[in-house]
PDB file of N, CA and C in Angstrom:
ATOM      1  N   MET A   1     -21.263 -16.802  81.228  1.00  0.00           N
ATOM      2  CA  MET A   1     -22.229 -15.736  81.369  1.00  0.00           C
ATOM      3  C   MET A   1     -22.855 -15.517  79.982  1.00  0.00           C
ATOM      4  N   PRO A   2     -24.146 -15.416  79.918  1.00  0.00           N
ATOM      5  CA  PRO A   2     -24.812 -15.238  78.624  1.00  0.00           C
ATOM      6  C   PRO A   2     -24.487 -13.871  78.013  1.00  0.00           C
ATOM      7  N   ALA A   3     -24.615 -13.788  76.727  1.00  0.00           N
ATOM      8  CA  ALA A   3     -24.291 -12.565  75.997  1.00  0.00           C
ATOM      9  C   ALA A   3     -25.226 -11.424  76.405  1.00  0.00           C
ATOM     10  N   ALA A   4     -26.474 -11.731  76.687  1.00  0.00           N
ATOM     11  CA  ALA A   4     -27.425 -10.691  77.085  1.00  0.00           C
ATOM     12  C   ALA A   4     -27.000 -10.051  78.405  1.00  0.00           C
ATOM     13  N   ALA A   5     -26.469 -10.826  79.311  1.00  0.00           N
ATOM     14  CA  ALA A   5     -26.019 -10.300  80.595  1.00  0.00           C
ATOM     15  C   ALA A   5     -24.819  -9.380  80.401  1.00  0.00           C
ATOM     16  N   VAL A   6     -23.913  -9.768  79.522  1.00  0.00           N
ATOM     17  CA  VAL A   6     -22.726  -8.943  79.245  1.00  0.00           C
ATOM     18  C   VAL A   6     -23.150  -7.616  78.619  1.00  0.00           C
ATOM     19  N   VAL A   7     -24.062  -7.678  77.668  1.00  0.00           N
ATOM     20  CA  VAL A   7     -24.544  -6.461  77.010  1.00  0.00           C
ATOM     21  C   VAL A   7     -25.244  -5.562  78.030  1.00  0.00           C
ATOM     22  N   THR A   8     -26.030  -6.153  78.900  1.00  0.00           N
ATOM     23  CA  THR A   8     -26.728  -5.392  79.927  1.00  0.00           C
ATOM     24  C   THR A   8     -25.734  -4.706  80.862  1.00  0.00           C
ATOM     25  N   LEU A   9     -24.692  -5.406  81.275  1.00  0.00           N
ATOM     26  CA  LEU A   9     -23.673  -4.814  82.145  1.00  0.00           C
ATOM     27  C   LEU A   9     -22.927  -3.683  81.446  1.00  0.00           C
ATOM     28  N   ILE A  10     -22.641  -3.861  80.164  1.00  0.00           N
ATOM     29  CA  ILE A  10     -21.937  -2.815  79.414  1.00  0.00           C
ATOM     30  C   ILE A  10     -22.813  -1.570  79.295  1.00  0.00           C
ATOM     31  N   ILE A  11     -24.082  -1.757  78.972  1.00  0.00           N
ATOM     32  CA  ILE A  11     -24.994  -0.625  78.854  1.00  0.00           C
ATOM     33  C   ILE A  11     -25.162   0.067  80.202  1.00  0.00           C
ATOM     34  N   ALA A  12     -25.283  -0.704  81.270  1.00  0.00           N
ATOM     35  CA  ALA A  12     -25.408  -0.118  82.606  1.00  0.00           C
ATOM     36  C   ALA A  12     -24.154   0.671  82.960  1.00  0.00           C
ATOM     37  N   ALA A  13     -22.984   0.138  82.618  1.00  0.00           N
ATOM     38  CA  ALA A  13     -21.723   0.844  82.900  1.00  0.00           C
ATOM     39  C   ALA A  13     -21.658   2.147  82.111  1.00  0.00           C
ATOM     40  N   LEU A  14     -22.108   2.156  80.870  1.00  0.00           N
ATOM     41  CA  LEU A  14     -22.108   3.378  80.065  1.00  0.00           C
ATOM     42  C   LEU A  14     -23.067   4.424  80.641  1.00  0.00           C
ATOM     43  N   ILE A  15     -24.236   3.978  81.097  1.00  0.00           N
ATOM     44  CA  ILE A  15     -25.191   4.907  81.699  1.00  0.00           C
ATOM     45  C   ILE A  15     -24.631   5.505  82.983  1.00  0.00           C
ATOM     46  N   ILE A  16     -24.029   4.677  83.800  1.00  0.00           N
ATOM     47  CA  ILE A  16     -23.436   5.148  85.057  1.00  0.00           C
ATOM     48  C   ILE A  16     -22.277   6.109  84.772  1.00  0.00           C
ATOM     49  N   ALA A  17     -21.454   5.781  83.772  1.00  0.00           N
ATOM     50  CA  ALA A  17     -20.335   6.663  83.420  1.00  0.00           C
ATOM     51  C   ALA A  17     -20.849   8.014  82.926  1.00  0.00           C
ATOM     52  N   ALA A  18     -21.916   8.020  82.134  1.00  0.00           N
ATOM     53  CA  ALA A  18     -22.487   9.280  81.654  1.00  0.00           C
ATOM     54  C   ALA A  18     -23.034  10.103  82.826  1.00  0.00           C
ATOM     55  N   ALA A  19     -23.679   9.431  83.783  1.00  0.00           N
ATOM     56  CA  ALA A  19     -24.208  10.125  84.953  1.00  0.00           C
ATOM     57  C   ALA A  19     -23.065  10.720  85.781  1.00  0.00           C
ATOM     58  N   VAL A  20     -21.999   9.968  85.963  1.00  0.00           N
ATOM     59  CA  VAL A  20     -20.844  10.460  86.719  1.00  0.00           C
ATOM     60  C   VAL A  20     -20.230  11.667  86.017  1.00  0.00           C
ATOM     61  N   LEU A  21     -20.092  11.593  84.695  1.00  0.00           N
ATOM     62  CA  LEU A  21     -19.529  12.709  83.942  1.00  0.00           C
ATOM     63  C   LEU A  21     -20.414  13.949  84.091  1.00  0.00           C
ATOM     64  N   GLY A  22     -21.716  13.777  84.020  1.00  0.00           N
ATOM     65  CA  GLY A  22     -22.631  14.904  84.200  1.00  0.00           C
ATOM     66  C   GLY A  22     -22.516  15.515  85.579  1.00  0.00           C
ATOM     67  N   LEU A  23     -22.425  14.687  86.602  1.00  0.00           N
ATOM     68  CA  LEU A  23     -22.303  15.198  87.969  1.00  0.00           C
ATOM     69  C   LEU A  23     -20.974  15.920  88.192  1.00  0.00           C
ATOM     70  N   VAL A  24     -19.919  15.436  87.587  1.00  0.00           N
ATOM     71  CA  VAL A  24     -18.623  16.111  87.704  1.00  0.00           C
ATOM     72  C   VAL A  24     -18.699  17.485  87.047  1.00  0.00           C
ATOM     73  N   ARG A  25     -19.362  17.556  85.884  1.00  0.00           N
ATOM     74  CA  ARG A  25     -19.516  18.854  85.219  1.00  0.00           C
ATOM     75  C   ARG A  25     -20.336  19.812  86.081  1.00  0.00           C
ATOM     76  N   VAL A  26     -21.384  19.311  86.719  1.00  0.00           N
ATOM     77  CA  VAL A  26     -22.194  20.146  87.604  1.00  0.00           C
ATOM     78  C   VAL A  26     -21.347  20.656  88.766  1.00  0.00           C
ATOM     79  N   LEU A  27     -20.521  19.803  89.340  1.00  0.00           N
ATOM     80  CA  LEU A  27     -19.646  20.225  90.440  1.00  0.00           C
ATOM     81  C   LEU A  27     -18.677  21.318  89.994  1.00  0.00           C
ATOM     82  N   LEU A  28     -18.132  21.176  88.788  1.00  0.00           N
ATOM     83  CA  LEU A  28     -17.212  22.200  88.287  1.00  0.00           C
ATOM     84  C   LEU A  28     -17.929  23.531  88.057  1.00  0.00           C
ATOM     85  N   HIS A  29     -19.142  23.468  87.537  1.00  0.00           N
ATOM     86  CA  HIS A  29     -19.916  24.691  87.340  1.00  0.00           C
ATOM     87  C   HIS A  29     -20.256  25.339  88.687  1.00  0.00           C
ATOM     88  N   LEU A  30     -20.614  24.546  89.667  1.00  0.00           N
ATOM     89  CA  LEU A  30     -20.925  25.089  90.988  1.00  0.00           C
ATOM     90  C   LEU A  30     -19.699  25.734  91.628  1.00  0.00           C
ATOM     91  N   ALA A  31     -18.538  25.145  91.418  1.00  0.00           N
ATOM     92  CA  ALA A  31     -17.308  25.736  91.949  1.00  0.00           C
ATOM     93  C   ALA A  31     -17.038  27.094  91.292  1.00  0.00           C
ATOM     94  N   ALA A  32     -17.271  27.187  89.982  1.00  0.00           N
ATOM     95  CA  ALA A  32     -17.074  28.460  89.281  1.00  0.00           C
ATOM     96  C   ALA A  32     -18.078  29.497  89.780  1.00  0.00           C
ATOM     97  N   ILE A  33     -19.311  29.095  90.013  1.00  0.00           N
ATOM     98  CA  ILE A  33     -20.331  30.009  90.515  1.00  0.00           C
ATOM     99  C   ILE A  33     -19.961  30.489  91.912  1.00  0.00           C
ATOM    100  N   ARG A  34     -19.412  29.601  92.728  1.00  0.00           N
ATOM    101  CA  ARG A  34     -19.025  29.994  94.083  1.00  0.00           C
ATOM    102  C   ARG A  34     -17.941  31.057  94.055  1.00  0.00           C
ATOM    103  N   ARG A  35     -16.969  30.893  93.148  1.00  0.00           N
ATOM    104  CA  ARG A  35     -15.912  31.912  93.031  1.00  0.00           C
ATOM    105  C   ARG A  35     -16.502  33.240  92.570  1.00  0.00           C
ATOM    106  N   THR A  36     -17.410  33.190  91.604  1.00  0.00           N
ATOM    107  CA  THR A  36     -18.029  34.415  91.096  1.00  0.00           C
ATOM    108  C   THR A  36     -18.848  35.096  92.184  1.00  0.00           C
ATOM    109  N   LEU A  37     -19.605  34.339  92.948  1.00  0.00           N
ATOM    110  CA  LEU A  37     -20.400  34.927  94.028  1.00  0.00           C
ATOM    111  C   LEU A  37     -19.512  35.543  95.098  1.00  0.00           C
ATOM    112  N   GLY A  38     -18.373  34.925  95.354  1.00  0.00           N
ATOM    113  CA  GLY A  38     -17.429  35.515  96.303  1.00  0.00           C
ATOM    114  C   GLY A  38     -16.948  36.873  95.832  1.00  0.00           C
ATOM    115  N   THR A  39     -16.681  36.994  94.540  1.00  0.00           N
ATOM    116  CA  THR A  39     -16.259  38.266  93.973  1.00  0.00           C
ATOM    117  C   THR A  39     -17.378  39.297  94.058  1.00  0.00           C
ATOM    118  N   VAL A  40     -18.598  38.873  93.793  1.00  0.00           N
ATOM    119  CA  VAL A  40     -19.743  39.786  93.864  1.00  0.00           C
ATOM    120  C   VAL A  40     -19.941  40.284  95.293  1.00  0.00           C
ATOM    121  N   VAL A  41     -19.811  39.398  96.265  1.00  0.00           N
ATOM    122  CA  VAL A  41     -19.987  39.805  97.665  1.00  0.00           C
ATOM    123  C   VAL A  41     -18.937  40.842  98.054  1.00  0.00           C
ATOM    124  N   VAL A  42     -17.713  40.634  97.640  1.00  0.00           N
ATOM    125  CA  VAL A  42     -16.657  41.605  97.945  1.00  0.00           C
ATOM    126  C   VAL A  42     -16.968  42.939  97.266  1.00  0.00           C
ATOM    127  N   GLY A  43     -17.447  42.895  96.038  1.00  0.00           N
ATOM    128  CA  GLY A  43     -17.809  44.124  95.333  1.00  0.00           C
ATOM    129  C   GLY A  43     -18.926  44.873  96.023  1.00  0.00           C
ATOM    130  N   VAL A  44     -19.917  44.160  96.500  1.00  0.00           N
ATOM    131  CA  VAL A  44     -21.029  44.798  97.212  1.00  0.00           C
ATOM    132  C   VAL A  44     -20.539  45.430  98.506  1.00  0.00           C
ATOM    133  N   GLN A  45     -19.639  44.766  99.193  1.00  0.00           N
ATOM    134  CA  GLN A  45     -19.097  45.334 100.426  1.00  0.00           C
ATOM    135  C   GLN A  45     -18.308  46.612 100.146  1.00  0.00           C
ATOM    136  N   VAL A  46     -17.585  46.646  99.038  1.00  0.00           N
ATOM    137  CA  VAL A  46     -16.835  47.850  98.678  1.00  0.00           C
ATOM    138  C   VAL A  46     -17.796  48.993  98.365  1.00  0.00           C
ATOM    139  N   VAL A  47     -18.851  48.700  97.621  1.00  0.00           N
ATOM    140  CA  VAL A  47     -19.841  49.734  97.301  1.00  0.00           C
ATOM    141  C   VAL A  47     -20.497  50.246  98.576  1.00  0.00           C
ATOM    142  N   ALA A  48     -20.830  49.351  99.485  1.00  0.00           N
ATOM    143  CA  ALA A  48     -21.456  49.764 100.745  1.00  0.00           C
ATOM    144  C   ALA A  48     -20.508  50.644 101.559  1.00  0.00           C
ATOM    145  N   ALA A  49     -19.230  50.331 101.531  1.00  0.00           N
ATOM    146  CA  ALA A  49     -18.272  51.142 102.281  1.00  0.00           C
ATOM    147  C   ALA A  49     -18.095  52.517 101.658  1.00  0.00           C
ATOM    148  N   GLN A  50     -18.188  52.600 100.324  1.00  0.00           N
ATOM    149  CA  GLN A  50     -17.963  53.876  99.650  1.00  0.00           C
ATOM    150  C   GLN A  50     -19.209  54.754  99.606  1.00  0.00           C
ATOM    151  N   THR A  51     -20.348  54.213  99.902  1.00  0.00           N
ATOM    152  CA  THR A  51     -21.584  55.003  99.872  1.00  0.00           C
ATOM    153  C   THR A  51     -22.133  55.103 101.290  1.00  0.00           C
ATOM    154  N   ARG A  52     -21.424  55.828 102.107  1.00  0.00           N
ATOM    155  CA  ARG A  52     -21.859  56.014 103.489  1.00  0.00           C
ATOM    156  C   ARG A  52     -23.147  56.802 103.532  1.00  0.00           C
ATOM    157  N   THR A  53     -23.835  56.693 104.618  1.00  0.00           N
ATOM    158  CA  THR A  53     -25.063  57.466 104.781  1.00  0.00           C
ATOM    159  C   THR A  53     -24.747  58.903 105.140  1.00  0.00           C
ATOM    160  N   VAL A  54     -25.693  59.775 104.955  1.00  0.00           N
ATOM    161  CA  VAL A  54     -25.495  61.203 105.187  1.00  0.00           C
ATOM    162  C   VAL A  54     -25.191  61.526 106.650  1.00  0.00           C
ATOM    163  N   PRO A  55     -25.859  60.938 107.647  1.00  0.00           N
ATOM    164  CA  PRO A  55     -25.583  61.337 109.037  1.00  0.00           C
ATOM    165  C   PRO A  55     -24.122  61.224 109.449  1.00  0.00           C
ATOM    166  N   GLU A  56     -23.352  60.335 108.819  1.00  0.00           N
ATOM    167  CA  GLU A  56     -21.945  60.220 109.202  1.00  0.00           C
ATOM    168  C   GLU A  56     -21.170  61.482 108.821  1.00  0.00           C
ATOM    169  N   ALA A  57     -21.537  62.109 107.723  1.00  0.00           N
ATOM    170  CA  ALA A  57     -20.811  63.290 107.263  1.00  0.00           C
ATOM    171  C   ALA A  57     -21.537  64.581 107.605  1.00  0.00           C
ATOM    172  N   LEU A  58     -22.717  64.488 108.172  1.00  0.00           N
ATOM    173  CA  LEU A  58     -23.555  65.659 108.405  1.00  0.00           C
ATOM    174  C   LEU A  58     -22.933  66.652 109.382  1.00  0.00           C
ATOM    175  N   ASP A  59     -22.283  66.181 110.420  1.00  0.00           N
ATOM    176  CA  ASP A  59     -21.678  67.081 111.411  1.00  0.00           C
ATOM    177  C   ASP A  59     -20.621  67.976 110.776  1.00  0.00           C
ATOM    178  N   SER A  60     -19.753  67.405 109.965  1.00  0.00           N
ATOM    179  CA  SER A  60     -18.698  68.221 109.355  1.00  0.00           C
ATOM    180  C   SER A  60     -19.276  69.204 108.342  1.00  0.00           C
ATOM    181  N   VAL A  61     -20.334  68.810 107.647  1.00  0.00           N
ATOM    182  CA  VAL A  61     -20.973  69.717 106.693  1.00  0.00           C
ATOM    183  C   VAL A  61     -21.632  70.873 107.444  1.00  0.00           C
ATOM    184  N   ASN A  62     -22.321  70.565 108.521  1.00  0.00           N
ATOM    185  CA  ASN A  62     -22.963  71.621 109.319  1.00  0.00           C
ATOM    186  C   ASN A  62     -21.935  72.602 109.866  1.00  0.00           C
ATOM    187  N   GLN A  63     -20.796  72.091 110.311  1.00  0.00           N
ATOM    188  CA  GLN A  63     -19.749  72.976 110.832  1.00  0.00           C
ATOM    189  C   GLN A  63     -19.179  73.866 109.729  1.00  0.00           C
ATOM    190  N   SER A  64     -19.043  73.306 108.548  1.00  0.00           N
ATOM    191  CA  SER A  64     -18.512  74.092 107.438  1.00  0.00           C
ATOM    192  C   SER A  64     -19.496  75.166 106.989  1.00  0.00           C
ATOM    193  N   LEU A  65     -20.783  74.920 107.123  1.00  0.00           N
ATOM    194  CA  LEU A  65     -21.794  75.869 106.667  1.00  0.00           C
ATOM    195  C   LEU A  65     -22.233  76.854 107.748  1.00  0.00           C
ATOM    196  N   LYS A  66     -21.661  76.754 108.941  1.00  0.00           N
ATOM    197  CA  LYS A  66     -22.054  77.651 110.031  1.00  0.00           C
ATOM    198  C   LYS A  66     -21.843  79.120 109.672  1.00  0.00           C
ATOM    199  N   PRO A  67     -20.728  79.504 109.065  1.00  0.00           N
ATOM    200  CA  PRO A  67     -20.575  80.923 108.691  1.00  0.00           C
ATOM    201  C   PRO A  67     -21.643  81.379 107.688  1.00  0.00           C
ATOM    202  N   VAL A  68     -22.028  80.528 106.790  1.00  0.00           N
ATOM    203  CA  VAL A  68     -23.054  80.888 105.820  1.00  0.00           C
ATOM    204  C   VAL A  68     -24.399  81.074 106.521  1.00  0.00           C
ATOM    205  N   ARG A  69     -24.723  80.184 107.442  1.00  0.00           N
ATOM    206  CA  ARG A  69     -25.973  80.299 108.193  1.00  0.00           C
ATOM    207  C   ARG A  69     -25.993  81.575 109.031  1.00  0.00           C
ATOM    208  N   ASP A  70     -24.868  81.872 109.662  1.00  0.00           N
ATOM    209  CA  ASP A  70     -24.788  83.097 110.465  1.00  0.00           C
ATOM    210  C   ASP A  70     -25.001  84.341 109.597  1.00  0.00           C
ATOM    211  N   PHE A  71     -24.396  84.334 108.425  1.00  0.00           N
ATOM    212  CA  PHE A  71     -24.559  85.469 107.521  1.00  0.00           C
ATOM    213  C   PHE A  71     -26.019  85.609 107.064  1.00  0.00           C
ATOM    214  N   CYS A  72     -26.649  84.478 106.733  1.00  0.00           N
ATOM    215  CA  CYS A  72     -28.035  84.511 106.258  1.00  0.00           C
ATOM    216  C   CYS A  72     -28.971  85.015 107.357  1.00  0.00           C
ATOM    217  N   GLU A  73     -28.675  84.747 108.599  1.00  0.00           N
ATOM    218  CA  GLU A  73     -29.526  85.213 109.696  1.00  0.00           C
ATOM    219  C   GLU A  73     -29.421  86.732 109.866  1.00  0.00           C
ATOM    220  N   THR A  74     -28.281  87.303 109.497  1.00  0.00           N
ATOM    221  CA  THR A  74     -28.128  88.747 109.634  1.00  0.00           C
ATOM    222  C   THR A  74     -28.810  89.506 108.501  1.00  0.00           C
ATOM    223  N   VAL A  75     -29.099  88.855 107.430  1.00  0.00           N
ATOM    224  CA  VAL A  75     -29.709  89.543 106.270  1.00  0.00           C
ATOM    225  C   VAL A  75     -31.152  89.721 106.441  1.00  0.00           C
TER     226      VAL A  75
END
C-alpha cells in the first residue's frame, strides 16, 4: 500500500475519531439538560399547586366574612 494511502487513512481515522468524540460530548450535554429540565418541570408543578386560584378558597372566605357583612348592613 502506498504511503499516501496510509497517511490518508490515518487522517480520515483522526477526523472520524474527533467527530465521534464531539458527538459523545453533545450526548452527555443533552443528558444533563434533560435532567435539569425534569427538575424545572417538577418545580413548576409545585408552584402551580401552591398558587391555587381564588375561586377554590372563595367559599370559605365568604363564609368567614358573613358576620362582618351582616354587621355592615345594619349600620
